[in-house]
N, C-alpha and C. Protein backbone atom coordinates (compact mmCIF):
# COMPACT_ATOMS: atom_id res chain seq x y z
N MET A 1 -17.80 -16.33 -2.29
CA MET A 1 -17.39 -17.53 -3.16
C MET A 1 -17.95 -18.64 -2.18
N PRO A 2 -18.88 -19.43 -2.73
CA PRO A 2 -19.21 -20.61 -2.01
C PRO A 2 -18.14 -21.43 -1.35
N ALA A 3 -17.05 -21.58 -2.00
CA ALA A 3 -16.00 -22.44 -1.41
C ALA A 3 -15.56 -21.97 -0.15
N GLU A 4 -15.60 -20.63 0.18
CA GLU A 4 -15.05 -20.02 1.44
C GLU A 4 -15.80 -20.56 2.72
N GLY A 5 -17.07 -21.03 2.50
CA GLY A 5 -17.81 -21.51 3.63
C GLY A 5 -17.68 -22.99 4.07
N ARG A 6 -16.88 -23.57 3.19
CA ARG A 6 -16.60 -24.97 3.30
C ARG A 6 -15.81 -25.07 4.57
N SER A 7 -15.97 -26.29 5.31
CA SER A 7 -15.19 -26.54 6.42
C SER A 7 -13.85 -27.10 5.99
N GLU A 8 -12.85 -27.10 6.74
CA GLU A 8 -11.60 -27.72 6.19
C GLU A 8 -11.61 -29.23 6.20
N SER A 9 -12.41 -29.75 7.07
CA SER A 9 -12.64 -31.22 7.07
C SER A 9 -13.19 -31.79 5.68
N GLU A 10 -13.79 -31.06 4.92
CA GLU A 10 -14.35 -31.38 3.68
C GLU A 10 -13.34 -31.57 2.50
N LEU A 11 -12.19 -31.08 2.69
CA LEU A 11 -11.23 -31.19 1.67
C LEU A 11 -10.08 -32.02 1.94
N ALA A 12 -9.99 -33.00 1.14
CA ALA A 12 -8.75 -33.87 1.42
C ALA A 12 -7.74 -33.75 0.30
N PRO A 13 -6.37 -34.33 0.60
CA PRO A 13 -5.29 -34.07 -0.30
C PRO A 13 -5.62 -34.84 -1.64
N LEU A 14 -5.12 -34.29 -2.63
CA LEU A 14 -5.16 -34.98 -4.05
C LEU A 14 -4.23 -36.21 -4.00
N PRO A 15 -4.63 -37.23 -4.84
CA PRO A 15 -3.97 -38.45 -5.03
C PRO A 15 -2.43 -38.29 -5.23
N GLN A 16 -1.53 -38.94 -4.43
CA GLN A 16 -0.05 -38.75 -4.67
C GLN A 16 0.26 -39.19 -6.01
N ALA A 17 -0.27 -40.26 -6.59
CA ALA A 17 0.09 -40.62 -7.90
C ALA A 17 -0.10 -39.52 -8.90
N PHE A 18 -1.07 -38.67 -8.84
CA PHE A 18 -1.18 -37.51 -9.68
C PHE A 18 -0.07 -36.37 -9.47
N LEU A 19 -0.11 -36.12 -8.14
CA LEU A 19 0.95 -35.07 -7.68
C LEU A 19 2.41 -35.41 -8.05
N ALA A 20 2.76 -36.64 -8.10
CA ALA A 20 4.11 -37.18 -8.65
C ALA A 20 4.24 -36.73 -10.07
N LEU A 21 3.30 -36.71 -10.93
CA LEU A 21 3.30 -36.47 -12.25
C LEU A 21 3.68 -34.86 -12.52
N LEU A 22 3.45 -34.06 -11.47
CA LEU A 22 3.76 -32.61 -11.51
C LEU A 22 5.16 -32.33 -11.38
N ALA A 23 6.02 -33.26 -10.86
CA ALA A 23 7.42 -32.93 -10.65
C ALA A 23 8.06 -32.33 -11.78
N GLY A 24 8.85 -31.38 -11.67
CA GLY A 24 9.44 -30.89 -12.84
C GLY A 24 8.61 -29.80 -13.58
N HIS A 25 7.44 -29.65 -13.35
CA HIS A 25 6.46 -28.74 -14.07
C HIS A 25 6.23 -27.47 -13.26
N ASP A 26 6.40 -26.30 -13.86
CA ASP A 26 6.07 -25.13 -13.24
C ASP A 26 4.47 -24.62 -13.32
N GLU A 27 3.95 -25.08 -14.43
CA GLU A 27 2.52 -24.83 -14.75
C GLU A 27 1.66 -25.97 -14.89
N ILE A 28 0.44 -25.68 -14.67
CA ILE A 28 -0.57 -26.95 -14.69
C ILE A 28 -1.71 -26.31 -15.53
N LEU A 29 -2.42 -27.05 -16.21
CA LEU A 29 -3.75 -26.76 -16.97
C LEU A 29 -4.80 -26.88 -16.06
N VAL A 30 -5.64 -25.78 -15.74
CA VAL A 30 -6.69 -25.91 -14.90
C VAL A 30 -7.99 -25.43 -15.73
N SER A 31 -8.97 -26.36 -15.58
CA SER A 31 -10.18 -25.95 -16.20
C SER A 31 -11.27 -25.61 -15.22
N SER A 32 -12.21 -24.74 -15.50
CA SER A 32 -13.39 -24.32 -14.60
C SER A 32 -14.42 -24.32 -15.48
N ARG A 33 -15.72 -24.23 -14.93
CA ARG A 33 -16.95 -24.47 -15.80
C ARG A 33 -17.96 -23.37 -15.26
N ASP A 34 -18.85 -23.00 -16.23
CA ASP A 34 -20.04 -22.29 -16.00
C ASP A 34 -21.01 -22.72 -17.00
N ARG A 35 -22.12 -22.11 -17.00
CA ARG A 35 -23.17 -22.36 -17.92
C ARG A 35 -22.81 -22.43 -19.54
N ALA A 36 -21.85 -21.65 -19.73
CA ALA A 36 -21.38 -21.55 -21.24
C ALA A 36 -20.51 -22.72 -21.59
N GLY A 37 -20.06 -23.42 -20.52
CA GLY A 37 -18.99 -24.50 -20.78
C GLY A 37 -17.73 -24.51 -20.02
N LEU A 38 -16.71 -25.08 -20.61
CA LEU A 38 -15.41 -25.22 -19.74
C LEU A 38 -14.42 -24.15 -20.25
N GLY A 39 -13.68 -23.67 -19.49
CA GLY A 39 -12.53 -22.76 -19.79
C GLY A 39 -11.28 -23.34 -19.18
N THR A 40 -10.21 -23.44 -19.92
CA THR A 40 -8.94 -23.93 -19.41
C THR A 40 -7.89 -23.01 -19.61
N VAL A 41 -7.00 -22.76 -18.47
CA VAL A 41 -5.87 -21.95 -18.61
C VAL A 41 -4.68 -22.54 -17.87
N ARG A 42 -3.45 -22.03 -18.32
CA ARG A 42 -2.17 -22.42 -17.78
C ARG A 42 -2.04 -21.58 -16.49
N MET A 43 -1.65 -22.32 -15.35
CA MET A 43 -1.36 -21.42 -14.25
C MET A 43 -0.20 -21.97 -13.41
N TRP A 44 0.57 -21.02 -12.96
CA TRP A 44 1.50 -21.36 -11.88
C TRP A 44 0.87 -22.00 -10.72
N PHE A 45 1.60 -23.03 -9.99
CA PHE A 45 0.89 -23.71 -8.88
C PHE A 45 1.99 -23.99 -7.99
N ALA A 46 1.49 -24.28 -6.69
CA ALA A 46 2.44 -24.85 -5.75
C ALA A 46 1.76 -26.02 -5.06
N VAL A 47 2.62 -27.13 -4.67
CA VAL A 47 2.05 -28.21 -3.98
C VAL A 47 2.51 -28.26 -2.66
N ILE A 48 1.63 -28.23 -1.74
CA ILE A 48 2.04 -28.04 -0.28
C ILE A 48 1.39 -29.42 0.28
N PRO A 49 2.34 -29.97 1.21
CA PRO A 49 2.06 -31.24 1.98
C PRO A 49 0.94 -30.97 2.76
N PRO A 50 -0.02 -31.93 2.88
CA PRO A 50 0.21 -33.37 2.59
C PRO A 50 -0.33 -33.59 1.06
N GLY A 51 -0.59 -32.63 0.37
CA GLY A 51 -0.95 -32.89 -1.15
C GLY A 51 -2.08 -32.09 -1.68
N PHE A 52 -2.06 -30.77 -1.35
CA PHE A 52 -2.91 -29.75 -1.83
C PHE A 52 -2.16 -28.83 -2.97
N ILE A 53 -3.03 -28.44 -3.90
CA ILE A 53 -2.40 -27.56 -4.82
C ILE A 53 -2.85 -26.27 -4.65
N TYR A 54 -2.07 -25.15 -4.62
CA TYR A 54 -2.34 -23.84 -4.41
C TYR A 54 -2.27 -23.10 -5.69
N LEU A 55 -3.13 -22.22 -5.98
CA LEU A 55 -3.39 -21.40 -7.28
C LEU A 55 -3.41 -19.80 -6.77
N LEU A 56 -2.80 -19.05 -7.58
CA LEU A 56 -2.84 -17.60 -7.12
C LEU A 56 -3.41 -16.85 -8.47
N THR A 57 -4.49 -15.93 -8.14
CA THR A 57 -5.04 -15.28 -9.34
C THR A 57 -5.65 -13.97 -8.84
N LEU A 58 -5.85 -13.20 -9.91
CA LEU A 58 -6.50 -11.84 -9.59
C LEU A 58 -8.04 -12.18 -9.31
N PRO A 59 -8.63 -11.53 -8.33
CA PRO A 59 -9.97 -11.89 -7.97
C PRO A 59 -10.91 -11.61 -9.02
N TYR A 60 -10.79 -10.72 -10.07
CA TYR A 60 -11.78 -10.47 -11.08
C TYR A 60 -11.55 -11.14 -12.55
N THR A 61 -10.77 -12.17 -12.38
CA THR A 61 -10.68 -13.01 -13.57
C THR A 61 -11.87 -13.89 -13.86
N ARG A 62 -11.92 -14.26 -15.12
CA ARG A 62 -13.13 -15.09 -15.39
C ARG A 62 -13.04 -16.42 -14.70
N LYS A 63 -11.88 -16.99 -14.44
CA LYS A 63 -11.73 -18.29 -13.75
C LYS A 63 -12.18 -18.13 -12.40
N ALA A 64 -11.80 -16.93 -11.77
CA ALA A 64 -12.23 -16.45 -10.40
C ALA A 64 -13.59 -16.49 -10.23
N GLU A 65 -14.29 -15.73 -11.29
CA GLU A 65 -15.78 -15.71 -11.25
C GLU A 65 -16.41 -17.07 -11.44
N ARG A 66 -15.90 -17.87 -12.16
CA ARG A 66 -16.42 -19.26 -12.31
C ARG A 66 -16.39 -19.94 -10.93
N TRP A 67 -15.18 -19.92 -10.21
CA TRP A 67 -15.09 -20.74 -8.92
C TRP A 67 -15.91 -19.96 -7.95
N ARG A 68 -16.34 -18.66 -7.96
CA ARG A 68 -17.38 -18.20 -7.12
C ARG A 68 -18.63 -18.91 -7.07
N ASP A 69 -19.00 -19.34 -8.33
CA ASP A 69 -20.14 -20.05 -8.54
C ASP A 69 -20.10 -21.56 -8.52
N ASP A 70 -18.98 -22.11 -8.74
CA ASP A 70 -18.74 -23.58 -8.87
C ASP A 70 -17.35 -23.86 -8.47
N PRO A 71 -17.01 -24.53 -7.34
CA PRO A 71 -15.59 -24.60 -7.07
C PRO A 71 -14.94 -25.82 -7.66
N TRP A 72 -15.59 -26.51 -8.75
CA TRP A 72 -15.06 -27.62 -9.37
C TRP A 72 -13.81 -27.13 -10.28
N VAL A 73 -12.80 -27.98 -10.27
CA VAL A 73 -11.71 -27.71 -11.07
C VAL A 73 -11.30 -29.11 -11.89
N ARG A 74 -10.54 -29.09 -12.89
CA ARG A 74 -10.03 -30.12 -13.55
C ARG A 74 -8.56 -29.82 -13.78
N PHE A 75 -7.64 -30.62 -13.29
CA PHE A 75 -6.25 -30.37 -13.45
C PHE A 75 -5.69 -31.40 -14.51
N ARG A 76 -4.77 -30.86 -15.56
CA ARG A 76 -4.11 -31.67 -16.54
C ARG A 76 -2.56 -31.24 -16.40
N VAL A 77 -1.82 -32.21 -16.46
CA VAL A 77 -0.41 -32.12 -16.49
C VAL A 77 -0.08 -31.72 -17.86
N PRO A 78 0.59 -30.61 -18.20
CA PRO A 78 0.92 -30.33 -19.69
C PRO A 78 1.91 -31.38 -20.19
N GLY A 79 1.45 -31.89 -21.41
CA GLY A 79 2.15 -32.83 -22.11
C GLY A 79 1.97 -34.33 -21.75
N LYS A 80 0.98 -34.42 -20.76
CA LYS A 80 0.64 -35.77 -20.37
C LYS A 80 -0.91 -35.99 -20.43
N ALA A 81 -1.39 -37.17 -20.50
CA ALA A 81 -2.83 -37.44 -20.53
C ALA A 81 -3.48 -37.56 -19.00
N ALA A 82 -2.70 -37.42 -18.14
CA ALA A 82 -3.25 -37.40 -16.78
C ALA A 82 -4.05 -36.17 -16.30
N ILE A 83 -5.37 -36.56 -15.73
CA ILE A 83 -6.31 -35.52 -15.25
C ILE A 83 -6.72 -35.83 -13.83
N GLN A 84 -6.99 -34.80 -13.13
CA GLN A 84 -7.58 -35.01 -11.75
C GLN A 84 -8.60 -33.89 -11.49
N ASP A 85 -9.80 -34.49 -11.18
CA ASP A 85 -10.80 -33.41 -10.75
C ASP A 85 -10.55 -33.10 -9.34
N GLY A 86 -10.98 -31.92 -8.97
CA GLY A 86 -11.04 -31.66 -7.44
C GLY A 86 -11.94 -30.32 -7.38
N ILE A 87 -11.85 -29.69 -6.10
CA ILE A 87 -12.53 -28.44 -5.77
C ILE A 87 -11.52 -27.48 -5.22
N VAL A 88 -11.79 -26.25 -5.32
CA VAL A 88 -10.99 -25.17 -4.75
C VAL A 88 -11.77 -24.46 -3.64
N THR A 89 -11.05 -23.98 -2.78
CA THR A 89 -11.54 -23.10 -1.67
C THR A 89 -10.61 -21.82 -1.47
N ALA A 90 -11.10 -20.79 -1.15
CA ALA A 90 -10.30 -19.46 -1.02
C ALA A 90 -9.53 -19.73 0.35
N VAL A 91 -8.41 -19.22 0.34
CA VAL A 91 -7.53 -19.20 1.47
C VAL A 91 -7.24 -17.81 1.88
N GLY A 92 -7.28 -17.39 3.22
CA GLY A 92 -6.77 -16.12 3.50
C GLY A 92 -5.36 -16.13 4.04
N TRP A 93 -4.84 -15.13 4.51
CA TRP A 93 -3.56 -15.01 5.06
C TRP A 93 -3.34 -15.98 6.33
N GLU A 94 -4.23 -16.01 7.11
CA GLU A 94 -4.18 -16.61 8.40
C GLU A 94 -3.84 -18.17 7.93
N GLU A 95 -4.30 -18.78 7.08
CA GLU A 95 -3.98 -20.19 6.71
C GLU A 95 -2.75 -20.23 5.82
N ALA A 96 -2.60 -19.27 4.85
CA ALA A 96 -1.42 -19.34 3.88
C ALA A 96 -0.09 -19.15 4.74
N GLN A 97 -0.20 -18.35 5.81
CA GLN A 97 1.02 -18.07 6.48
C GLN A 97 1.91 -19.15 6.84
N ALA A 98 1.39 -20.31 7.22
CA ALA A 98 2.18 -21.34 7.80
C ALA A 98 3.03 -21.92 6.50
N SER A 99 2.48 -21.68 5.32
CA SER A 99 3.15 -22.34 4.08
C SER A 99 3.68 -21.18 3.10
N ALA A 100 3.81 -19.97 3.70
CA ALA A 100 4.23 -18.92 2.74
C ALA A 100 5.69 -19.05 2.27
N GLU A 101 6.64 -19.56 2.96
CA GLU A 101 7.91 -19.85 2.41
C GLU A 101 8.01 -20.76 1.19
N GLN A 102 6.98 -21.77 1.28
CA GLN A 102 6.84 -22.70 0.38
C GLN A 102 6.02 -22.29 -0.95
N LEU A 103 5.19 -21.29 -0.72
CA LEU A 103 4.33 -20.84 -1.75
C LEU A 103 4.95 -19.68 -2.59
N THR A 104 5.83 -18.82 -1.91
CA THR A 104 6.43 -17.61 -2.71
C THR A 104 7.31 -18.16 -3.87
N PRO A 105 8.08 -19.18 -3.79
CA PRO A 105 8.79 -19.48 -5.08
C PRO A 105 8.11 -19.68 -6.28
N SER A 106 6.89 -20.30 -6.09
CA SER A 106 5.87 -20.60 -7.21
C SER A 106 5.24 -19.41 -7.72
N PHE A 107 5.09 -18.33 -6.81
CA PHE A 107 4.28 -17.19 -7.17
C PHE A 107 5.05 -15.98 -7.17
N SER A 108 6.37 -15.94 -7.29
CA SER A 108 7.24 -14.71 -7.31
C SER A 108 7.12 -13.97 -8.68
N MET A 109 6.81 -14.57 -9.74
CA MET A 109 6.58 -13.89 -11.03
C MET A 109 5.18 -13.18 -10.99
N ALA A 110 4.25 -13.53 -9.99
CA ALA A 110 2.96 -12.95 -9.96
C ALA A 110 3.14 -11.75 -9.10
N GLY A 111 4.37 -11.57 -8.34
CA GLY A 111 4.43 -10.32 -7.41
C GLY A 111 4.58 -10.85 -6.04
N ALA A 112 4.37 -12.15 -5.71
CA ALA A 112 4.49 -12.71 -4.31
C ALA A 112 5.79 -13.37 -4.21
N ALA A 113 6.79 -12.40 -4.29
CA ALA A 113 8.24 -13.02 -4.06
C ALA A 113 8.72 -13.20 -2.70
N THR A 114 7.94 -12.60 -1.83
CA THR A 114 8.36 -12.76 -0.38
C THR A 114 7.07 -13.23 0.47
N PRO A 115 7.07 -13.78 1.56
CA PRO A 115 5.90 -13.87 2.46
C PRO A 115 5.19 -12.54 2.68
N GLU A 116 5.95 -11.43 2.89
CA GLU A 116 5.38 -10.21 3.04
C GLU A 116 4.61 -9.65 1.92
N ALA A 117 5.07 -9.86 0.77
CA ALA A 117 4.39 -9.53 -0.46
C ALA A 117 3.07 -10.44 -0.55
N LEU A 118 3.19 -11.60 -0.32
CA LEU A 118 1.94 -12.62 -0.40
C LEU A 118 0.82 -12.04 0.61
N ARG A 119 1.36 -11.85 1.77
CA ARG A 119 0.38 -11.33 2.85
C ARG A 119 -0.26 -10.03 2.46
N TRP A 120 0.38 -9.14 1.90
CA TRP A 120 -0.12 -7.80 1.47
C TRP A 120 -1.15 -8.04 0.39
N MET A 121 -0.82 -8.89 -0.72
CA MET A 121 -1.67 -9.22 -1.83
C MET A 121 -3.08 -9.84 -1.18
N LEU A 122 -2.96 -10.76 -0.33
CA LEU A 122 -4.09 -11.54 0.24
C LEU A 122 -5.01 -10.40 1.02
N GLN A 123 -4.19 -9.70 1.95
CA GLN A 123 -5.01 -8.93 2.84
C GLN A 123 -5.60 -7.80 2.10
N ASP A 124 -4.97 -7.22 1.13
CA ASP A 124 -5.62 -6.10 0.34
C ASP A 124 -6.69 -6.60 -0.70
N GLY A 125 -6.78 -7.77 -0.87
CA GLY A 125 -7.78 -8.30 -1.91
C GLY A 125 -7.17 -8.25 -3.39
N SER A 126 -5.77 -7.80 -3.48
CA SER A 126 -5.51 -7.81 -4.99
C SER A 126 -5.30 -9.07 -5.59
N ARG A 127 -5.06 -10.22 -4.87
CA ARG A 127 -5.09 -11.56 -5.29
C ARG A 127 -5.79 -12.47 -4.57
N LEU A 128 -6.22 -13.64 -5.18
CA LEU A 128 -6.96 -14.75 -4.54
C LEU A 128 -6.15 -15.80 -4.50
N LEU A 129 -5.92 -16.50 -3.34
CA LEU A 129 -5.24 -17.76 -3.18
C LEU A 129 -6.19 -18.83 -3.12
N LEU A 130 -6.11 -19.84 -3.81
CA LEU A 130 -7.13 -21.07 -3.77
C LEU A 130 -6.26 -22.37 -3.51
N LYS A 131 -6.88 -23.07 -2.75
CA LYS A 131 -6.33 -24.30 -2.24
C LYS A 131 -7.27 -25.32 -2.82
N ALA A 132 -6.60 -26.32 -3.57
CA ALA A 132 -7.38 -27.45 -4.25
C ALA A 132 -6.99 -28.83 -3.68
N GLY A 133 -8.08 -29.55 -3.48
CA GLY A 133 -8.03 -30.91 -3.10
C GLY A 133 -9.24 -31.73 -3.62
N ILE A 134 -9.56 -32.82 -3.01
CA ILE A 134 -10.69 -33.54 -3.44
C ILE A 134 -11.73 -33.54 -2.22
N ARG A 135 -12.92 -33.62 -2.66
CA ARG A 135 -14.15 -33.48 -1.72
C ARG A 135 -14.17 -34.86 -0.87
N ARG A 136 -14.26 -34.60 0.39
CA ARG A 136 -14.39 -35.77 1.14
C ARG A 136 -15.89 -36.19 1.14
N VAL A 137 -16.07 -37.39 1.05
CA VAL A 137 -17.62 -38.03 0.89
C VAL A 137 -17.93 -38.87 2.07
N PHE A 138 -18.99 -38.68 2.69
CA PHE A 138 -19.58 -39.37 3.86
C PHE A 138 -20.85 -40.20 3.47
N ASP A 139 -20.97 -41.36 4.09
CA ASP A 139 -22.14 -42.01 3.97
C ASP A 139 -23.22 -41.52 5.03
N SER A 140 -24.41 -42.03 4.94
CA SER A 140 -25.44 -41.53 5.95
C SER A 140 -25.14 -41.83 7.41
N ASP A 141 -24.08 -42.60 7.65
CA ASP A 141 -23.79 -42.82 9.14
C ASP A 141 -22.54 -42.01 9.53
N GLY A 142 -22.10 -41.07 8.71
CA GLY A 142 -20.96 -40.26 9.01
C GLY A 142 -19.54 -41.01 8.57
N VAL A 143 -19.59 -42.12 7.93
CA VAL A 143 -18.35 -42.83 7.59
C VAL A 143 -17.89 -42.31 6.34
N GLU A 144 -16.60 -41.93 6.37
CA GLU A 144 -15.89 -41.41 5.09
C GLU A 144 -15.80 -42.52 4.12
N LEU A 145 -16.18 -42.26 2.81
CA LEU A 145 -16.19 -43.14 1.79
C LEU A 145 -14.87 -42.81 0.92
N VAL A 146 -14.10 -43.81 0.55
CA VAL A 146 -12.87 -43.72 -0.17
C VAL A 146 -13.23 -43.47 -1.64
N GLN A 147 -12.69 -42.32 -2.23
CA GLN A 147 -12.86 -42.08 -3.61
C GLN A 147 -11.80 -42.65 -4.45
N ALA A 148 -12.03 -43.15 -5.63
CA ALA A 148 -11.01 -43.77 -6.56
C ALA A 148 -10.21 -42.68 -7.01
N GLU A 149 -8.94 -42.94 -7.27
CA GLU A 149 -7.99 -42.00 -7.82
C GLU A 149 -8.16 -41.90 -9.22
N ASP A 150 -8.26 -40.74 -9.78
CA ASP A 150 -8.42 -40.60 -11.22
C ASP A 150 -7.11 -39.98 -11.88
N THR A 151 -6.28 -40.71 -12.34
CA THR A 151 -4.92 -40.22 -12.82
C THR A 151 -4.80 -40.56 -14.36
N THR A 152 -5.96 -40.80 -15.00
CA THR A 152 -5.80 -41.12 -16.56
C THR A 152 -6.26 -40.05 -17.31
């Protein structure tokens, strides 16, 4: 998956204004794309400070295939007009371990009810954990450019 090779410094937290709209929601609408167009699915999610959305899926799903080719995502809050574009990157147990207690309540219905179950799923490859944020953009001098928040 191309997203796996990205450095951590390229992924920045999602805008707090968008994340605030997720309060009280268990699912989020997630779009991915390929040459045939867009596909949108409902997914359970977890928000982990400082503002990343985590998604758990089977590695052989259509959305996982799309993300291997293009890490772009578009999030929509169910019942609201708010959208936020971002990128996803695959996360292994080494990174997920620090947030496992926060992740498992969101993914218990997918079989990751405990940190040990999440570890097992990630290590054996039966699940794919993705971390979503926004791409950090730098100018030619290496200065980070601030992106506008998209919450409409």
